Amino acid sequence: MNKKLILASAIAISAAATFSTINSQENEMSFFITSEGSGDGANLGGLAGADAHCATLASAAGSPGKRWVAYLSAHGTANSPRVNARERIGFGPWYNAEGVEVASTLNNLHSDYMALGKANSLTCLLYTYPSPRDRG
């Protein structure tokens, strides 16, 4: 797949399609920040490759069986439509790997009211995502 279809992203954020978890009381992980890259730099293999990478990470962390999608967008071409990351992740709510609700709705996720500070920005392995200040 053409690398130009994928927009560059500082971090790849993954979210499960949560249509079936809207009424879930279990607070299962439905959102995580990837814990490792694909091994080929920014080439994730298009949206399908990025989604597969997210699914692999989630499954290895004990959260298989959901439709995991990368929070990425793609430019439209003559052969494929534009894809907006916001439109492909479901409607919420989203829970991190500790079961903490990080956003209740799509609008909440994209507002100042989402709960994705350092403490709640977890990988699927419960690591906090390092901020630029942590990297030195």
C-alpha atoms as a PDB file:
ATOM      1  CA  MET A   1       0.000   0.000   0.000  1.00  0.00           C
ATOM      2  CA  ASN A   2       1.229   3.458  -0.800  1.00  0.00           C
ATOM      3  CA  LYS A   3       2.981   5.105   2.158  1.00  0.00           C
ATOM      4  CA  LYS A   4       1.444   8.426   1.150  1.00  0.00           C
ATOM      5  CA  LEU A   5      -1.963   7.114   2.177  1.00  0.00           C
ATOM      6  CA  ILE A   6      -0.970   7.236   5.830  1.00  0.00           C
ATOM      7  CA  LEU A   7      -0.548  10.567   7.572  1.00  0.00           C
ATOM      8  CA  ALA A   8       2.488  10.864   9.796  1.00  0.00           C
ATOM      9  CA  SER A   9       1.688  10.546  13.471  1.00  0.00           C
ATOM     10  CA  ALA A  10       3.889  11.196  16.489  1.00  0.00           C
ATOM     11  CA  ILE A  11       2.302   8.274  18.262  1.00  0.00           C
ATOM     12  CA  ALA A  12      -0.026   5.622  17.011  1.00  0.00           C
ATOM     13  CA  ILE A  13      -3.066   5.522  19.217  1.00  0.00           C
ATOM     14  CA  SER A  14      -5.291   2.517  19.015  1.00  0.00           C
ATOM     15  CA  ALA A  15      -8.923   2.304  19.881  1.00  0.00           C
ATOM     16  CA  ALA A  16     -11.290  -0.612  19.723  1.00  0.00           C
ATOM     17  CA  ALA A  17     -14.465  -0.175  17.815  1.00  0.00           C
ATOM     18  CA  THR A  18     -16.774   0.133  20.761  1.00  0.00           C
ATOM     19  CA  PHE A  19     -20.219  -0.306  19.253  1.00  0.00           C
ATOM     20  CA  SER A  20     -20.707  -3.476  21.301  1.00  0.00           C
ATOM     21  CA  THR A  21     -19.168  -2.115  24.520  1.00  0.00           C
ATOM     22  CA  ILE A  22     -21.305   0.979  24.964  1.00  0.00           C
ATOM     23  CA  ASN A  23     -23.373  -0.767  27.630  1.00  0.00           C
ATOM     24  CA  SER A  24     -20.534  -2.883  29.011  1.00  0.00           C
ATOM     25  CA  GLN A  25     -20.093  -2.805  32.774  1.00  0.00           C
ATOM     26  CA  GLU A  26     -16.734  -4.571  32.656  1.00  0.00           C
ATOM     27  CA  ASN A  27     -14.633  -1.552  31.646  1.00  0.00           C
ATOM     28  CA  GLU A  28     -12.455  -3.718  29.430  1.00  0.00           C
ATOM     29  CA  MET A  29      -9.546  -2.039  27.693  1.00  0.00           C
ATOM     30  CA  SER A  30     -10.756  -0.333  24.538  1.00  0.00           C
ATOM     31  CA  PHE A  31      -7.978   2.233  24.123  1.00  0.00           C
ATOM     32  CA  PHE A  32      -4.206   2.078  24.383  1.00  0.00           C
ATOM     33  CA  ILE A  33      -1.094   3.769  23.112  1.00  0.00           C
ATOM     34  CA  THR A  34       1.090   1.383  21.175  1.00  0.00           C
ATOM     35  CA  SER A  35       3.966  -0.021  23.195  1.00  0.00           C
ATOM     36  CA  GLU A  36       6.223  -0.709  20.228  1.00  0.00           C
ATOM     37  CA  GLY A  37       6.571   0.131  16.574  1.00  0.00           C
ATOM     38  CA  SER A  38       6.115  -2.215  13.666  1.00  0.00           C
ATOM     39  CA  GLY A  39       9.862  -2.459  13.026  1.00  0.00           C
ATOM     40  CA  ASP A  40       9.744  -0.558   9.730  1.00  0.00           C
ATOM     41  CA  GLY A  41       9.709   3.035  10.919  1.00  0.00           C
ATOM     42  CA  ALA A  42       6.614   4.980   9.898  1.00  0.00           C
ATOM     43  CA  ASN A  43       5.666   2.367   7.299  1.00  0.00           C
ATOM     44  CA  LEU A  44       2.803   0.599   9.002  1.00  0.00           C
ATOM     45  CA  GLY A  45       1.505  -1.048   5.843  1.00  0.00           C
ATOM     46  CA  GLY A  46      -1.399   1.321   5.380  1.00  0.00           C
ATOM     47  CA  LEU A  47      -4.445   1.437   7.589  1.00  0.00           C
ATOM     48  CA  ALA A  48      -4.882  -2.343   7.362  1.00  0.00           C
ATOM     49  CA  GLY A  49      -1.300  -2.913   8.504  1.00  0.00           C
ATOM     50  CA  ALA A  50      -1.636  -0.430  11.353  1.00  0.00           C
ATOM     51  CA  ASP A  51      -4.899  -2.069  12.453  1.00  0.00           C
ATOM     52  CA  ALA A  52      -3.258  -5.503  12.347  1.00  0.00           C
ATOM     53  CA  HIS A  53      -0.331  -4.204  14.429  1.00  0.00           C
ATOM     54  CA  CYS A  54      -2.754  -2.872  17.050  1.00  0.00           C
ATOM     55  CA  ALA A  55      -4.640  -6.173  17.111  1.00  0.00           C
ATOM     56  CA  THR A  56      -1.384  -8.100  17.570  1.00  0.00           C
ATOM     57  CA  LEU A  57      -0.312  -5.894  20.501  1.00  0.00           C
ATOM     58  CA  ALA A  58      -3.730  -6.110  22.156  1.00  0.00           C
ATOM     59  CA  SER A  59      -3.906  -9.874  21.730  1.00  0.00           C
ATOM     60  CA  ALA A  60      -0.422 -10.334  23.201  1.00  0.00           C
ATOM     61  CA  ALA A  61      -1.522  -8.243  26.185  1.00  0.00           C
ATOM     62  CA  GLY A  62      -4.542 -10.492  26.756  1.00  0.00           C
ATOM     63  CA  SER A  63      -7.236  -8.469  24.996  1.00  0.00           C
ATOM     64  CA  PRO A  64      -8.144 -10.408  21.852  1.00  0.00           C
ATOM     65  CA  GLY A  65     -11.528 -10.624  20.217  1.00  0.00           C
ATOM     66  CA  LYS A  66     -12.191  -6.959  19.561  1.00  0.00           C
ATOM     67  CA  ARG A  67     -11.888  -5.045  16.338  1.00  0.00           C
ATOM     68  CA  TRP A  68      -8.825  -2.894  17.069  1.00  0.00           C
ATOM     69  CA  VAL A  69      -8.173   0.073  14.791  1.00  0.00           C
ATOM     70  CA  ALA A  70      -5.300   2.521  14.676  1.00  0.00           C
ATOM     71  CA  TYR A  71      -6.161   6.149  15.210  1.00  0.00           C
ATOM     72  CA  LEU A  72      -4.843   7.197  11.819  1.00  0.00           C
ATOM     73  CA  SER A  73      -6.199   9.018   8.786  1.00  0.00           C
ATOM     74  CA  ALA A  74      -5.518   8.468   5.098  1.00  0.00           C
ATOM     75  CA  HIS A  75      -5.542  10.849   2.149  1.00  0.00           C
ATOM     76  CA  GLY A  76      -8.092  10.194  -0.545  1.00  0.00           C
ATOM     77  CA  THR A  77      -6.927   9.127  -3.986  1.00  0.00           C
ATOM     78  CA  ALA A  78      -8.592   8.400  -7.304  1.00  0.00           C
ATOM     79  CA  ASN A  79      -9.004   4.778  -6.143  1.00  0.00           C
ATOM     80  CA  SER A  80      -9.869   5.224  -2.465  1.00  0.00           C
ATOM     81  CA  PRO A  81     -11.788   7.728  -0.352  1.00  0.00           C
ATOM     82  CA  ARG A  82     -10.302   9.944   2.351  1.00  0.00           C
ATOM     83  CA  VAL A  83     -10.388   8.293   5.787  1.00  0.00           C
ATOM     84  CA  ASN A  84     -10.667  10.395   8.943  1.00  0.00           C
ATOM     85  CA  ALA A  85      -9.285   8.818  12.128  1.00  0.00           C
ATOM     86  CA  ARG A  86     -12.117  10.262  14.193  1.00  0.00           C
ATOM     87  CA  GLU A  87     -14.688   8.497  12.019  1.00  0.00           C
ATOM     88  CA  ARG A  88     -13.190   5.022  12.320  1.00  0.00           C
ATOM     89  CA  ILE A  89     -12.909   4.508  16.084  1.00  0.00           C
ATOM     90  CA  GLY A  90     -16.530   4.206  17.186  1.00  0.00           C
ATOM     91  CA  PHE A  91     -18.469   6.346  19.631  1.00  0.00           C
ATOM     92  CA  GLY A  92     -17.008   5.414  23.034  1.00  0.00           C
ATOM     93  CA  PRO A  93     -16.690   5.068  25.888  1.00  0.00           C
ATOM     94  CA  TRP A  94     -12.966   4.266  25.939  1.00  0.00           C
ATOM     95  CA  TYR A  95     -11.168   2.615  28.819  1.00  0.00           C
ATOM     96  CA  ASN A  96      -7.415   2.265  29.296  1.00  0.00           C
ATOM     97  CA  ALA A  97      -5.655  -0.952  30.324  1.00  0.00           C
ATOM     98  CA  GLU A  98      -6.502  -0.335  33.996  1.00  0.00           C
ATOM     99  CA  GLY A  99     -10.216   0.075  33.257  1.00  0.00           C
ATOM    100  CA  VAL A 100     -10.168   3.849  33.782  1.00  0.00           C
ATOM    101  CA  GLU A 101     -12.546   5.701  31.486  1.00  0.00           C
ATOM    102  CA  VAL A 102     -10.424   8.100  29.427  1.00  0.00           C
ATOM    103  CA  ALA A 103     -13.354   9.471  27.403  1.00  0.00           C
ATOM    104  CA  SER A 104     -17.080   8.852  27.463  1.00  0.00           C
ATOM    105  CA  THR A 105     -17.967  10.029  23.954  1.00  0.00           C
ATOM    106  CA  LEU A 106     -16.274  10.928  20.700  1.00  0.00           C
ATOM    107  CA  ASN A 107     -16.690  14.637  21.440  1.00  0.00           C
ATOM    108  CA  ASN A 108     -15.297  14.133  24.941  1.00  0.00           C
ATOM    109  CA  LEU A 109     -12.261  12.318  23.521  1.00  0.00           C
ATOM    110  CA  HIS A 110     -11.505  15.335  21.347  1.00  0.00           C
ATOM    111  CA  SER A 111     -12.001  17.944  24.075  1.00  0.00           C
ATOM    112  CA  ASP A 112     -10.157  19.390  27.035  1.00  0.00           C
ATOM    113  CA  TYR A 113     -12.295  17.135  29.259  1.00  0.00           C
ATOM    114  CA  MET A 114     -10.817  13.804  28.203  1.00  0.00           C
ATOM    115  CA  ALA A 115      -8.763  12.032  30.855  1.00  0.00           C
ATOM    116  CA  LEU A 116      -5.611  11.300  28.864  1.00  0.00           C
ATOM    117  CA  GLY A 117      -3.037  12.925  31.071  1.00  0.00           C
ATOM    118  CA  LYS A 118       0.202  11.114  31.757  1.00  0.00           C
ATOM    119  CA  ALA A 119      -1.327   8.846  34.409  1.00  0.00           C
ATOM    120  CA  ASN A 120      -4.023   7.494  32.087  1.00  0.00           C
ATOM    121  CA  SER A 121      -2.116   7.395  28.790  1.00  0.00           C
ATOM    122  CA  LEU A 122      -1.184   3.741  29.087  1.00  0.00           C
ATOM    123  CA  THR A 123       0.090   1.153  26.678  1.00  0.00           C
ATOM    124  CA  CYS A 124      -1.647  -2.209  26.554  1.00  0.00           C
ATOM    125  CA  LEU A 125       1.087  -3.443  28.926  1.00  0.00           C
ATOM    126  CA  LEU A 126       0.229  -0.778  31.543  1.00  0.00           C
ATOM    127  CA  TYR A 127       3.263   1.395  30.839  1.00  0.00           C
ATOM    128  CA  THR A 128       2.745   5.137  30.825  1.00  0.00           C
ATOM    129  CA  TYR A 129       3.645   6.751  27.555  1.00  0.00           C
ATOM    130  CA  PRO A 130       6.845   8.748  28.069  1.00  0.00           C
ATOM    131  CA  SER A 131       6.474  12.459  27.604  1.00  0.00           C
ATOM    132  CA  PRO A 132       9.185  14.364  25.690  1.00  0.00           C
ATOM    133  CA  ARG A 133      10.522  15.551  29.069  1.00  0.00           C
ATOM    134  CA  ASP A 134      10.984  11.919  30.167  1.00  0.00           C
ATOM    135  CA  ARG A 135      13.097  11.104  27.109  1.00  0.00           C
ATOM    136  CA  GLY A 136      15.813  13.538  28.022  1.00  0.00           C
END
